[in-house]
Amino acid sequence: MSKVKIAELREKSAAELSQTLDQYKRELLDLKVQQVAGAAAAKGGKIREVRKNIARVLTVITQQSRSEVRAKYAGKKYIPKDLRAKKTRALRRALTKYELSRKTVRQQKKDTHFPVREFAVKA
């Protein structure tokens, strides 16, 4: 088998992908048995290729399932943690724009009673 194309995998349904995955796993098992039995050393490259193909199929399966879950939670108030934006810990805990713009009653009174002075003469 040659390298499988991701675009081809994305066109398949979940059932077809699981079938493809089983096929690659069986092929990998056969190759490993041949390797233990002492077959040609050229099988090492083939084993690597099949392992990479398995990884590609699993990646597409994961992407499809995550996109389905994203669509399910679109527009909802709460989203599962693994679908939220990672950012950094500090950014996740930072105040929102609304929270930053809020002023206490005391600060509002200070601002109204003691506005910033404007001078006619420049220094």
PDB file of N, CA and C in Angstrom:
ATOM      1  N   MET A   1       0.830  -1.191   0.000  1.00  0.00           N
ATOM      2  CA  MET A   1       0.000   0.000   0.000  1.00  0.00           C
ATOM      3  C   MET A   1       0.868   1.245   0.000  1.00  0.00           C
ATOM      4  N   SER A   2       0.376   2.268  -0.642  1.00  0.00           N
ATOM      5  CA  SER A   2       1.105   3.527  -0.672  1.00  0.00           C
ATOM      6  C   SER A   2       0.499   4.491   0.336  1.00  0.00           C
ATOM      7  N   LYS A   3       1.103   5.642   0.435  1.00  0.00           N
ATOM      8  CA  LYS A   3       0.632   6.653   1.376  1.00  0.00           C
ATOM      9  C   LYS A   3      -0.798   7.054   1.035  1.00  0.00           C
ATOM     10  N   VAL A   4      -1.659   7.040   2.039  1.00  0.00           N
ATOM     11  CA  VAL A   4      -3.060   7.382   1.825  1.00  0.00           C
ATOM     12  C   VAL A   4      -3.219   8.902   1.883  1.00  0.00           C
ATOM     13  N   LYS A   5      -4.067   9.432   1.033  1.00  0.00           N
ATOM     14  CA  LYS A   5      -4.277  10.880   0.970  1.00  0.00           C
ATOM     15  C   LYS A   5      -5.343  11.292   1.971  1.00  0.00           C
ATOM     16  N   ILE A   6      -5.064  12.351   2.709  1.00  0.00           N
ATOM     17  CA  ILE A   6      -5.995  12.854   3.716  1.00  0.00           C
ATOM     18  C   ILE A   6      -7.295  13.311   3.051  1.00  0.00           C
ATOM     19  N   ALA A   7      -7.203  13.949   1.900  1.00  0.00           N
ATOM     20  CA  ALA A   7      -8.400  14.436   1.205  1.00  0.00           C
ATOM     21  C   ALA A   7      -9.341  13.284   0.866  1.00  0.00           C
ATOM     22  N   GLU A   8      -8.777  12.139   0.486  1.00  0.00           N
ATOM     23  CA  GLU A   8      -9.604  10.972   0.187  1.00  0.00           C
ATOM     24  C   GLU A   8     -10.288  10.460   1.449  1.00  0.00           C
ATOM     25  N   LEU A   9      -9.554  10.499   2.560  1.00  0.00           N
ATOM     26  CA  LEU A   9     -10.136  10.016   3.817  1.00  0.00           C
ATOM     27  C   LEU A   9     -11.272  10.914   4.292  1.00  0.00           C
ATOM     28  N   ARG A  10     -11.155  12.210   4.079  1.00  0.00           N
ATOM     29  CA  ARG A  10     -12.175  13.145   4.547  1.00  0.00           C
ATOM     30  C   ARG A  10     -13.501  12.960   3.818  1.00  0.00           C
ATOM     31  N   GLU A  11     -13.454  12.390   2.623  1.00  0.00           N
ATOM     32  CA  GLU A  11     -14.677  12.168   1.851  1.00  0.00           C
ATOM     33  C   GLU A  11     -15.444  10.936   2.342  1.00  0.00           C
ATOM     34  N   LYS A  12     -14.775  10.056   3.110  1.00  0.00           N
ATOM     35  CA  LYS A  12     -15.402   8.813   3.557  1.00  0.00           C
ATOM     36  C   LYS A  12     -16.270   9.047   4.794  1.00  0.00           C
ATOM     37  N   SER A  13     -17.212   8.140   4.993  1.00  0.00           N
ATOM     38  CA  SER A  13     -18.071   8.203   6.177  1.00  0.00           C
ATOM     39  C   SER A  13     -17.340   7.561   7.358  1.00  0.00           C
ATOM     40  N   ALA A  14     -17.942   7.673   8.539  1.00  0.00           N
ATOM     41  CA  ALA A  14     -17.326   7.126   9.748  1.00  0.00           C
ATOM     42  C   ALA A  14     -17.204   5.601   9.657  1.00  0.00           C
ATOM     43  N   ALA A  15     -18.197   4.947   9.092  1.00  0.00           N
ATOM     44  CA  ALA A  15     -18.159   3.486   8.959  1.00  0.00           C
ATOM     45  C   ALA A  15     -17.038   3.050   8.017  1.00  0.00           C
ATOM     46  N   GLU A  16     -16.915   3.759   6.904  1.00  0.00           N
ATOM     47  CA  GLU A  16     -15.848   3.435   5.944  1.00  0.00           C
ATOM     48  C   GLU A  16     -14.472   3.672   6.563  1.00  0.00           C
ATOM     49  N   LEU A  17     -14.358   4.730   7.369  1.00  0.00           N
ATOM     50  CA  LEU A  17     -13.084   5.024   8.018  1.00  0.00           C
ATOM     51  C   LEU A  17     -12.710   3.928   9.013  1.00  0.00           C
ATOM     52  N   SER A  18     -13.676   3.463   9.782  1.00  0.00           N
ATOM     53  CA  SER A  18     -13.373   2.401  10.744  1.00  0.00           C
ATOM     54  C   SER A  18     -12.998   1.107  10.020  1.00  0.00           C
ATOM     55  N   GLN A  19     -13.633   0.871   8.875  1.00  0.00           N
ATOM     56  CA  GLN A  19     -13.293  -0.297   8.067  1.00  0.00           C
ATOM     57  C   GLN A  19     -11.865  -0.174   7.520  1.00  0.00           C
ATOM     58  N   THR A  20     -11.518   1.010   7.049  1.00  0.00           N
ATOM     59  CA  THR A  20     -10.162   1.259   6.551  1.00  0.00           C
ATOM     60  C   THR A  20      -9.139   1.085   7.666  1.00  0.00           C
ATOM     61  N   LEU A  21      -9.484   1.552   8.852  1.00  0.00           N
ATOM     62  CA  LEU A  21      -8.592   1.432  10.006  1.00  0.00           C
ATOM     63  C   LEU A  21      -8.346  -0.032  10.342  1.00  0.00           C
ATOM     64  N   ASP A  22      -9.406  -0.833  10.348  1.00  0.00           N
ATOM     65  CA  ASP A  22      -9.254  -2.272  10.616  1.00  0.00           C
ATOM     66  C   ASP A  22      -8.359  -2.936   9.575  1.00  0.00           C
ATOM     67  N   GLN A  23      -8.528  -2.523   8.330  1.00  0.00           N
ATOM     68  CA  GLN A  23      -7.720  -3.083   7.239  1.00  0.00           C
ATOM     69  C   GLN A  23      -6.240  -2.782   7.463  1.00  0.00           C
ATOM     70  N   TYR A  24      -5.926  -1.541   7.803  1.00  0.00           N
ATOM     71  CA  TYR A  24      -4.532  -1.169   8.044  1.00  0.00           C
ATOM     72  C   TYR A  24      -3.955  -1.879   9.262  1.00  0.00           C
ATOM     73  N   LYS A  25      -4.775  -2.042  10.291  1.00  0.00           N
ATOM     74  CA  LYS A  25      -4.289  -2.730  11.498  1.00  0.00           C
ATOM     75  C   LYS A  25      -3.985  -4.196  11.204  1.00  0.00           C
ATOM     76  N   ARG A  26      -4.837  -4.823  10.392  1.00  0.00           N
ATOM     77  CA  ARG A  26      -4.572  -6.211  10.001  1.00  0.00           C
ATOM     78  C   ARG A  26      -3.282  -6.310   9.190  1.00  0.00           C
ATOM     79  N   GLU A  27      -3.117  -5.355   8.281  1.00  0.00           N
ATOM     80  CA  GLU A  27      -1.901  -5.345   7.453  1.00  0.00           C
ATOM     81  C   GLU A  27      -0.662  -5.162   8.324  1.00  0.00           C
ATOM     82  N   LEU A  28      -0.743  -4.280   9.318  1.00  0.00           N
ATOM     83  CA  LEU A  28       0.382  -4.057  10.224  1.00  0.00           C
ATOM     84  C   LEU A  28       0.708  -5.324  11.004  1.00  0.00           C
ATOM     85  N   LEU A  29      -0.324  -6.005  11.458  1.00  0.00           N
ATOM     86  CA  LEU A  29      -0.131  -7.245  12.190  1.00  0.00           C
ATOM     87  C   LEU A  29       0.587  -8.277  11.319  1.00  0.00           C
ATOM     88  N   ASP A  30       0.156  -8.410  10.062  1.00  0.00           N
ATOM     89  CA  ASP A  30       0.795  -9.350   9.134  1.00  0.00           C
ATOM     90  C   ASP A  30       2.265  -9.003   8.924  1.00  0.00           C
ATOM     91  N   LEU A  31       2.538  -7.708   8.748  1.00  0.00           N
ATOM     92  CA  LEU A  31       3.919  -7.282   8.513  1.00  0.00           C
ATOM     93  C   LEU A  31       4.801  -7.561   9.732  1.00  0.00           C
ATOM     94  N   LYS A  32       4.262  -7.347  10.916  1.00  0.00           N
ATOM     95  CA  LYS A  32       5.047  -7.604  12.128  1.00  0.00           C
ATOM     96  C   LYS A  32       5.318  -9.091  12.306  1.00  0.00           C
ATOM     97  N   VAL A  33       4.349  -9.922  11.944  1.00  0.00           N
ATOM     98  CA  VAL A  33       4.550 -11.374  12.005  1.00  0.00           C
ATOM     99  C   VAL A  33       5.649 -11.778  11.029  1.00  0.00           C
ATOM    100  N   GLN A  34       5.619 -11.216   9.830  1.00  0.00           N
ATOM    101  CA  GLN A  34       6.656 -11.509   8.836  1.00  0.00           C
ATOM    102  C   GLN A  34       8.021 -11.057   9.334  1.00  0.00           C
ATOM    103  N   GLN A  35       8.051  -9.921  10.008  1.00  0.00           N
ATOM    104  CA  GLN A  35       9.320  -9.390  10.517  1.00  0.00           C
ATOM    105  C   GLN A  35       9.906 -10.322  11.575  1.00  0.00           C
ATOM    106  N   VAL A  36       9.055 -10.817  12.460  1.00  0.00           N
ATOM    107  CA  VAL A  36       9.513 -11.737  13.502  1.00  0.00           C
ATOM    108  C   VAL A  36       9.969 -13.052  12.879  1.00  0.00           C
ATOM    109  N   ALA A  37       9.283 -13.471  11.819  1.00  0.00           N
ATOM    110  CA  ALA A  37       9.621 -14.724  11.146  1.00  0.00           C
ATOM    111  C   ALA A  37      10.942 -14.623  10.392  1.00  0.00           C
ATOM    112  N   GLY A  38      11.434 -13.403  10.215  1.00  0.00           N
ATOM    113  CA  GLY A  38      12.734 -13.230   9.565  1.00  0.00           C
ATOM    114  C   GLY A  38      12.645 -12.938   8.099  1.00  0.00           C
ATOM    115  N   ALA A  39      11.618 -12.249   7.678  1.00  0.00           N
ATOM    116  CA  ALA A  39      11.474 -11.883   6.266  1.00  0.00           C
ATOM    117  C   ALA A  39      12.475 -10.780   5.928  1.00  0.00           C
ATOM    118  N   ALA A  40      12.416 -10.299   4.696  1.00  0.00           N
ATOM    119  CA  ALA A  40      13.370  -9.305   4.195  1.00  0.00           C
ATOM    120  C   ALA A  40      13.347  -8.047   5.067  1.00  0.00           C
ATOM    121  N   ALA A  41      14.472  -7.388   5.158  1.00  0.00           N
ATOM    122  CA  ALA A  41      14.599  -6.174   5.969  1.00  0.00           C
ATOM    123  C   ALA A  41      13.877  -4.990   5.333  1.00  0.00           C
ATOM    124  N   ALA A  42      13.492  -5.108   4.065  1.00  0.00           N
ATOM    125  CA  ALA A  42      12.808  -4.017   3.365  1.00  0.00           C
ATOM    126  C   ALA A  42      11.407  -3.780   3.944  1.00  0.00           C
ATOM    127  N   LYS A  43      10.918  -4.713   4.743  1.00  0.00           N
ATOM    128  CA  LYS A  43       9.582  -4.581   5.324  1.00  0.00           C
ATOM    129  C   LYS A  43       9.535  -3.467   6.371  1.00  0.00           C
ATOM    130  N   GLY A  44      10.689  -3.042   6.872  1.00  0.00           N
ATOM    131  CA  GLY A  44      10.723  -1.982   7.884  1.00  0.00           C
ATOM    132  C   GLY A  44      10.093  -0.702   7.385  1.00  0.00           C
ATOM    133  N   GLY A  45      10.380  -0.341   6.152  1.00  0.00           N
ATOM    134  CA  GLY A  45       9.786   0.853   5.554  1.00  0.00           C
ATOM    135  C   GLY A  45       8.298   0.697   5.356  1.00  0.00           C
ATOM    136  N   LYS A  46       7.878  -0.505   5.024  1.00  0.00           N
ATOM    137  CA  LYS A  46       6.460  -0.790   4.819  1.00  0.00           C
ATOM    138  C   LYS A  46       5.705  -0.673   6.144  1.00  0.00           C
ATOM    139  N   ILE A  47       6.313  -1.175   7.219  1.00  0.00           N
ATOM    140  CA  ILE A  47       5.690  -1.087   8.543  1.00  0.00           C
ATOM    141  C   ILE A  47       5.503   0.377   8.929  1.00  0.00           C
ATOM    142  N   ARG A  48       6.515   1.166   8.692  1.00  0.00           N
ATOM    143  CA  ARG A  48       6.455   2.595   9.032  1.00  0.00           C
ATOM    144  C   ARG A  48       5.323   3.278   8.254  1.00  0.00           C
ATOM    145  N   GLU A  49       5.227   2.933   6.980  1.00  0.00           N
ATOM    146  CA  GLU A  49       4.197   3.526   6.113  1.00  0.00           C
ATOM    147  C   GLU A  49       2.788   3.173   6.601  1.00  0.00           C
ATOM    148  N   VAL A  50       2.595   1.911   6.984  1.00  0.00           N
ATOM    149  CA  VAL A  50       1.280   1.475   7.458  1.00  0.00           C
ATOM    150  C   VAL A  50       0.943   2.160   8.786  1.00  0.00           C
ATOM    151  N   ARG A  51       1.936   2.289   9.669  1.00  0.00           N
ATOM    152  CA  ARG A  51       1.699   2.977  10.943  1.00  0.00           C
ATOM    153  C   ARG A  51       1.285   4.423  10.719  1.00  0.00           C
ATOM    154  N   LYS A  52       1.934   5.078   9.767  1.00  0.00           N
ATOM    155  CA  LYS A  52       1.581   6.470   9.449  1.00  0.00           C
ATOM    156  C   LYS A  52       0.172   6.557   8.867  1.00  0.00           C
ATOM    157  N   ASN A  53      -0.199   5.571   8.035  1.00  0.00           N
ATOM    158  CA  ASN A  53      -1.547   5.547   7.468  1.00  0.00           C
ATOM    159  C   ASN A  53      -2.595   5.373   8.566  1.00  0.00           C
ATOM    160  N   ILE A  54      -2.296   4.516   9.548  1.00  0.00           N
ATOM    161  CA  ILE A  54      -3.206   4.336  10.681  1.00  0.00           C
ATOM    162  C   ILE A  54      -3.372   5.662  11.419  1.00  0.00           C
ATOM    163  N   ALA A  55      -2.275   6.369  11.621  1.00  0.00           N
ATOM    164  CA  ALA A  55      -2.323   7.666  12.308  1.00  0.00           C
ATOM    165  C   ALA A  55      -3.173   8.664  11.515  1.00  0.00           C
ATOM    166  N   ARG A  56      -3.042   8.645  10.196  1.00  0.00           N
ATOM    167  CA  ARG A  56      -3.831   9.564   9.359  1.00  0.00           C
ATOM    168  C   ARG A  56      -5.327   9.271   9.487  1.00  0.00           C
ATOM    169  N   VAL A  57      -5.677   7.995   9.449  1.00  0.00           N
ATOM    170  CA  VAL A  57      -7.089   7.623   9.552  1.00  0.00           C
ATOM    171  C   VAL A  57      -7.635   8.034  10.923  1.00  0.00           C
ATOM    172  N   LEU A  58      -6.882   7.772  11.977  1.00  0.00           N
ATOM    173  CA  LEU A  58      -7.323   8.144  13.324  1.00  0.00           C
ATOM    174  C   LEU A  58      -7.468   9.658  13.460  1.00  0.00           C
ATOM    175  N   THR A  59      -6.572  10.399  12.814  1.00  0.00           N
ATOM    176  CA  THR A  59      -6.646  11.856  12.848  1.00  0.00           C
ATOM    177  C   THR A  59      -7.932  12.348  12.205  1.00  0.00           C
ATOM    178  N   VAL A  60      -8.272  11.787  11.051  1.00  0.00           N
ATOM    179  CA  VAL A  60      -9.493  12.207  10.346  1.00  0.00           C
ATOM    180  C   VAL A  60     -10.726  11.840  11.169  1.00  0.00           C
ATOM    181  N   ILE A  61     -10.727  10.655  11.787  1.00  0.00           N
ATOM    182  CA  ILE A  61     -11.854  10.244  12.632  1.00  0.00           C
ATOM    183  C   ILE A  61     -12.026  11.237  13.778  1.00  0.00           C
ATOM    184  N   THR A  62     -10.939  11.602  14.424  1.00  0.00           N
ATOM    185  CA  THR A  62     -10.990  12.550  15.541  1.00  0.00           C
ATOM    186  C   THR A  62     -11.481  13.908  15.076  1.00  0.00           C
ATOM    187  N   GLN A  63     -10.972  14.383  13.943  1.00  0.00           N
ATOM    188  CA  GLN A  63     -11.384  15.688  13.422  1.00  0.00           C
ATOM    189  C   GLN A  63     -12.889  15.709  13.123  1.00  0.00           C
ATOM    190  N   GLN A  64     -13.382  14.629  12.518  1.00  0.00           N
ATOM    191  CA  GLN A  64     -14.801  14.576  12.184  1.00  0.00           C
ATOM    192  C   GLN A  64     -15.673  14.561  13.429  1.00  0.00           C
ATOM    193  N   SER A  65     -15.273  13.777  14.434  1.00  0.00           N
ATOM    194  CA  SER A  65     -16.086  13.712  15.652  1.00  0.00           C
ATOM    195  C   SER A  65     -16.059  15.042  16.399  1.00  0.00           C
ATOM    196  N   ARG A  66     -14.888  15.698  16.415  1.00  0.00           N
ATOM    197  CA  ARG A  66     -14.802  16.993  17.090  1.00  0.00           C
ATOM    198  C   ARG A  66     -15.611  18.063  16.366  1.00  0.00           C
ATOM    199  N   SER A  67     -15.642  18.004  15.031  1.00  0.00           N
ATOM    200  CA  SER A  67     -16.427  18.993  14.293  1.00  0.00           C
ATOM    201  C   SER A  67     -17.928  18.785  14.531  1.00  0.00           C
ATOM    202  N   GLU A  68     -18.348  17.528  14.675  1.00  0.00           N
ATOM    203  CA  GLU A  68     -19.750  17.250  14.997  1.00  0.00           C
ATOM    204  C   GLU A  68     -20.118  17.818  16.367  1.00  0.00           C
ATOM    205  N   VAL A  69     -19.223  17.631  17.333  1.00  0.00           N
ATOM    206  CA  VAL A  69     -19.484  18.138  18.687  1.00  0.00           C
ATOM    207  C   VAL A  69     -19.479  19.659  18.683  1.00  0.00           C
ATOM    208  N   ARG A  70     -18.557  20.258  17.926  1.00  0.00           N
ATOM    209  CA  ARG A  70     -18.525  21.723  17.812  1.00  0.00           C
ATOM    210  C   ARG A  70     -19.845  22.252  17.254  1.00  0.00           C
ATOM    211  N   ALA A  71     -20.364  21.576  16.231  1.00  0.00           N
ATOM    212  CA  ALA A  71     -21.627  21.996  15.626  1.00  0.00           C
ATOM    213  C   ALA A  71     -22.769  21.866  16.630  1.00  0.00           C
ATOM    214  N   LYS A  72     -22.713  20.828  17.450  1.00  0.00           N
ATOM    215  CA  LYS A  72     -23.753  20.613  18.454  1.00  0.00           C
ATOM    216  C   LYS A  72     -23.771  21.736  19.493  1.00  0.00           C
ATOM    217  N   TYR A  73     -22.587  22.200  19.891  1.00  0.00           N
ATOM    218  CA  TYR A  73     -22.485  23.222  20.934  1.00  0.00           C
ATOM    219  C   TYR A  73     -22.409  24.644  20.385  1.00  0.00           C
ATOM    220  N   ALA A  74     -22.543  24.821  19.087  1.00  0.00           N
ATOM    221  CA  ALA A  74     -22.478  26.164  18.497  1.00  0.00           C
ATOM    222  C   ALA A  74     -23.642  27.008  19.018  1.00  0.00           C
ATOM    223  N   GLY A  75     -23.322  28.188  19.515  1.00  0.00           N
ATOM    224  CA  GLY A  75     -24.340  29.097  20.006  1.00  0.00           C
ATOM    225  C   GLY A  75     -24.782  28.825  21.431  1.00  0.00           C
ATOM    226  N   LYS A  76     -24.255  27.793  22.075  1.00  0.00           N
ATOM    227  CA  LYS A  76     -24.616  27.483  23.449  1.00  0.00           C
ATOM    228  C   LYS A  76     -23.769  28.332  24.407  1.00  0.00           C
ATOM    229  N   LYS A  77     -24.254  28.473  25.623  1.00  0.00           N
ATOM    230  CA  LYS A  77     -23.540  29.290  26.608  1.00  0.00           C
ATOM    231  C   LYS A  77     -22.262  28.603  27.067  1.00  0.00           C
ATOM    232  N   TYR A  78     -22.341  27.318  27.342  1.00  0.00           N
ATOM    233  CA  TYR A  78     -21.182  26.572  27.820  1.00  0.00           C
ATOM    234  C   TYR A  78     -20.708  25.582  26.767  1.00  0.00           C
ATOM    235  N   ILE A  79     -19.387  25.493  26.629  1.00  0.00           N
ATOM    236  CA  ILE A  79     -18.760  24.607  25.652  1.00  0.00           C
ATOM    237  C   ILE A  79     -17.835  23.668  26.423  1.00  0.00           C
ATOM    238  N   PRO A  80     -17.713  22.405  26.031  1.00  0.00           N
ATOM    239  CA  PRO A  80     -16.785  21.507  26.720  1.00  0.00           C
ATOM    240  C   PRO A  80     -15.368  22.076  26.742  1.00  0.00           C
ATOM    241  N   LYS A  81     -14.646  21.794  27.813  1.00  0.00           N
ATOM    242  CA  LYS A  81     -13.326  22.404  28.001  1.00  0.00           C
ATOM    243  C   LYS A  81     -12.345  22.065  26.893  1.00  0.00           C
ATOM    244  N   ASP A  82     -12.428  20.857  26.342  1.00  0.00           N
ATOM    245  CA  ASP A  82     -11.471  20.499  25.298  1.00  0.00           C
ATOM    246  C   ASP A  82     -11.747  21.209  23.973  1.00  0.00           C
ATOM    247  N   LEU A  83     -12.926  21.846  23.850  1.00  0.00           N
ATOM    248  CA  LEU A  83     -13.230  22.603  22.628  1.00  0.00           C
ATOM    249  C   LEU A  83     -13.012  24.107  22.805  1.00  0.00           C
ATOM    250  N   ARG A  84     -12.756  24.536  24.022  1.00  0.00           N
ATOM    251  CA  ARG A  84     -12.548  25.961  24.262  1.00  0.00           C
ATOM    252  C   ARG A  84     -11.175  26.390  23.775  1.00  0.00           C
ATOM    253  N   ALA A  85     -11.023  27.713  23.592  1.00  0.00           N
ATOM    254  CA  ALA A  85      -9.737  28.249  23.159  1.00  0.00           C
ATOM    255  C   ALA A  85      -8.714  28.048  24.266  1.00  0.00           C
ATOM    256  N   LYS A  86      -7.540  27.570  23.918  1.00  0.00           N
ATOM    257  CA  LYS A  86      -6.521  27.240  24.907  1.00  0.00           C
ATOM    258  C   LYS A  86      -5.934  28.489  25.530  1.00  0.00           C
ATOM    259  N   LYS A  87      -5.446  29.413  24.718  1.00  0.00           N
ATOM    260  CA  LYS A  87      -4.798  30.646  25.160  1.00  0.00           C
ATOM    261  C   LYS A  87      -3.742  30.348  26.214  1.00  0.00           C
ATOM    262  N   THR A  88      -3.604  31.234  27.198  1.00  0.00           N
ATOM    263  CA  THR A  88      -2.718  30.974  28.330  1.00  0.00           C
ATOM    264  C   THR A  88      -3.547  31.106  29.593  1.00  0.00           C
ATOM    265  N   ARG A  89      -3.022  30.615  30.684  1.00  0.00           N
ATOM    266  CA  ARG A  89      -3.765  30.638  31.949  1.00  0.00           C
ATOM    267  C   ARG A  89      -4.110  32.070  32.331  1.00  0.00           C
ATOM    268  N   ALA A  90      -3.128  32.968  32.157  1.00  0.00           N
ATOM    269  CA  ALA A  90      -3.341  34.371  32.524  1.00  0.00           C
ATOM    270  C   ALA A  90      -4.435  35.003  31.656  1.00  0.00           C
ATOM    271  N   LEU A  91      -4.413  34.722  30.356  1.00  0.00           N
ATOM    272  CA  LEU A  91      -5.424  35.288  29.457  1.00  0.00           C
ATOM    273  C   LEU A  91      -6.820  34.745  29.757  1.00  0.00           C
ATOM    274  N   ARG A  92      -6.891  33.457  30.128  1.00  0.00           N
ATOM    275  CA  ARG A  92      -8.200  32.883  30.447  1.00  0.00           C
ATOM    276  C   ARG A  92      -8.794  33.509  31.694  1.00  0.00           C
ATOM    277  N   ARG A  93      -7.935  33.936  32.637  1.00  0.00           N
ATOM    278  CA  ARG A  93      -8.416  34.500  33.887  1.00  0.00           C
ATOM    279  C   ARG A  93      -8.509  36.026  33.872  1.00  0.00           C
ATOM    280  N   ALA A  94      -8.075  36.643  32.795  1.00  0.00           N
ATOM    281  CA  ALA A  94      -8.098  38.103  32.709  1.00  0.00           C
ATOM    282  C   ALA A  94      -9.539  38.616  32.681  1.00  0.00           C
ATOM    283  N   LEU A  95      -9.702  39.869  33.098  1.00  0.00           N
ATOM    284  CA  LEU A  95     -11.029  40.480  33.088  1.00  0.00           C
ATOM    285  C   LEU A  95     -11.503  40.676  31.652  1.00  0.00           C
ATOM    286  N   THR A  96     -12.799  40.603  31.461  1.00  0.00           N
ATOM    287  CA  THR A  96     -13.368  40.841  30.138  1.00  0.00           C
ATOM    288  C   THR A  96     -13.385  42.350  29.881  1.00  0.00           C
ATOM    289  N   LYS A  97     -13.672  42.759  28.646  1.00  0.00           N
ATOM    290  CA  LYS A  97     -13.725  44.193  28.317  1.00  0.00           C
ATOM    291  C   LYS A  97     -14.803  44.884  29.137  1.00  0.00           C
ATOM    292  N   TYR A  98     -15.911  44.207  29.324  1.00  0.00           N
ATOM    293  CA  TYR A  98     -17.005  44.774  30.109  1.00  0.00           C
ATOM    294  C   TYR A  98     -16.572  44.987  31.559  1.00  0.00           C
ATOM    295  N   GLU A  99     -15.915  43.982  32.128  1.00  0.00           N
ATOM    296  CA  GLU A  99     -15.463  44.087  33.520  1.00  0.00           C
ATOM    297  C   GLU A  99     -14.423  45.186  33.686  1.00  0.00           C
ATOM    298  N   LEU A 100     -13.563  45.343  32.678  1.00  0.00           N
ATOM    299  CA  LEU A 100     -12.534  46.392  32.745  1.00  0.00           C
ATOM    300  C   LEU A 100     -13.147  47.788  32.691  1.00  0.00           C
ATOM    301  N   SER A 101     -14.238  47.940  31.946  1.00  0.00           N
ATOM    302  CA  SER A 101     -14.842  49.258  31.770  1.00  0.00           C
ATOM    303  C   SER A 101     -15.722  49.678  32.951  1.00  0.00           C
ATOM    304  N   ARG A 102     -16.057  48.759  33.826  1.00  0.00           N
ATOM    305  CA  ARG A 102     -16.923  49.065  34.969  1.00  0.00           C
ATOM    306  C   ARG A 102     -16.210  49.999  35.955  1.00  0.00           C
ATOM    307  N   LYS A 103     -16.982  50.886  36.593  1.00  0.00           N
ATOM    308  CA  LYS A 103     -16.435  51.785  37.613  1.00  0.00           C
ATOM    309  C   LYS A 103     -17.290  51.705  38.862  1.00  0.00           C
ATOM    310  N   THR A 104     -16.659  51.859  40.004  1.00  0.00           N
ATOM    311  CA  THR A 104     -17.402  51.873  41.256  1.00  0.00           C
ATOM    312  C   THR A 104     -18.158  53.191  41.372  1.00  0.00           C
ATOM    313  N   VAL A 105     -19.122  53.239  42.266  1.00  0.00           N
ATOM    314  CA  VAL A 105     -19.901  54.465  42.480  1.00  0.00           C
ATOM    315  C   VAL A 105     -18.969  55.586  42.937  1.00  0.00           C
ATOM    316  N   ARG A 106     -18.045  55.248  43.805  1.00  0.00           N
ATOM    317  CA  ARG A 106     -17.097  56.235  44.314  1.00  0.00           C
ATOM    318  C   ARG A 106     -16.257  56.831  43.185  1.00  0.00           C
ATOM    319  N   GLN A 107     -15.780  55.976  42.276  1.00  0.00           N
ATOM    320  CA  GLN A 107     -14.968  56.469  41.154  1.00  0.00           C
ATOM    321  C   GLN A 107     -15.808  57.320  40.212  1.00  0.00           C
ATOM    322  N   GLN A 108     -17.055  56.948  40.004  1.00  0.00           N
ATOM    323  CA  GLN A 108     -17.938  57.752  39.161  1.00  0.00           C
ATOM    324  C   GLN A 108     -18.142  59.143  39.744  1.00  0.00           C
ATOM    325  N   LYS A 109     -18.318  59.215  41.069  1.00  0.00           N
ATOM    326  CA  LYS A 109     -18.482  60.513  41.726  1.00  0.00           C
ATOM    327  C   LYS A 109     -17.220  61.357  41.589  1.00  0.00           C
ATOM    328  N   LYS A 110     -16.044  60.720  41.774  1.00  0.00           N
ATOM    329  CA  LYS A 110     -14.769  61.447  41.630  1.00  0.00           C
ATOM    330  C   LYS A 110     -14.635  62.023  40.224  1.00  0.00           C
ATOM    331  N   ASP A 111     -14.992  61.196  39.230  1.00  0.00           N
ATOM    332  CA  ASP A 111     -14.863  61.640  37.846  1.00  0.00           C
ATOM    333  C   ASP A 111     -15.788  62.815  37.536  1.00  0.00           C
ATOM    334  N   THR A 112     -16.991  62.797  38.098  1.00  0.00           N
ATOM    335  CA  THR A 112     -17.921  63.891  37.810  1.00  0.00           C
ATOM    336  C   THR A 112     -17.553  65.170  38.566  1.00  0.00           C
ATOM    337  N   HIS A 113     -17.128  65.053  39.820  1.00  0.00           N
ATOM    338  CA  HIS A 113     -16.831  66.230  40.639  1.00  0.00           C
ATOM    339  C   HIS A 113     -15.444  66.814  40.379  1.00  0.00           C
ATOM    340  N   PHE A 114     -14.510  65.985  39.961  1.00  0.00           N
ATOM    341  CA  PHE A 114     -13.149  66.462  39.701  1.00  0.00           C
ATOM    342  C   PHE A 114     -12.694  66.022  38.309  1.00  0.00           C
ATOM    343  N   PRO A 115     -13.225  66.671  37.272  1.00  0.00           N
ATOM    344  CA  PRO A 115     -12.838  66.263  35.914  1.00  0.00           C
ATOM    345  C   PRO A 115     -11.376  66.631  35.621  1.00  0.00           C
ATOM    346  N   VAL A 116     -10.851  66.025  34.578  1.00  0.00           N
ATOM    347  CA  VAL A 116      -9.475  66.317  34.177  1.00  0.00           C
ATOM    348  C   VAL A 116      -9.396  67.768  33.728  1.00  0.00           C
ATOM    349  N   ARG A 117      -8.453  68.496  34.285  1.00  0.00           N
ATOM    350  CA  ARG A 117      -8.347  69.930  33.981  1.00  0.00           C
ATOM    351  C   ARG A 117      -7.779  70.160  32.599  1.00  0.00           C
ATOM    352  N   GLU A 118      -8.301  71.185  31.951  1.00  0.00           N
ATOM    353  CA  GLU A 118      -7.791  71.574  30.635  1.00  0.00           C
ATOM    354  C   GLU A 118      -7.239  72.970  30.753  1.00  0.00           C
ATOM    355  N   PHE A 119      -6.010  73.138  30.305  1.00  0.00           N
ATOM    356  CA  PHE A 119      -5.337  74.425  30.407  1.00  0.00           C
ATOM    357  C   PHE A 119      -5.268  75.076  29.035  1.00  0.00           C
ATOM    358  N   ALA A 120      -5.443  76.395  29.012  1.00  0.00           N
ATOM    359  CA  ALA A 120      -5.428  77.141  27.751  1.00  0.00           C
ATOM    360  C   ALA A 120      -4.003  77.335  27.256  1.00  0.00           C
ATOM    361  N   VAL A 121      -3.061  77.477  28.186  1.00  0.00           N
ATOM    362  CA  VAL A 121      -1.671  77.751  27.826  1.00  0.00           C
ATOM    363  C   VAL A 121      -0.884  76.460  27.797  1.00  0.00           C
ATOM    364  N   LYS A 122      -0.172  76.253  26.677  1.00  0.00           N
ATOM    365  CA  LYS A 122       0.700  75.085  26.609  1.00  0.00           C
ATOM    366  C   LYS A 122       2.020  75.387  27.261  1.00  0.00           C
ATOM    367  N   ALA A 123       2.599  74.439  27.902  1.00  0.00           N
ATOM    368  CA  ALA A 123       3.875  74.652  28.577  1.00  0.00           C
ATOM    369  C   ALA A 123       5.018  74.512  27.611  1.00  0.00           C
TER     370      ALA A 123
END
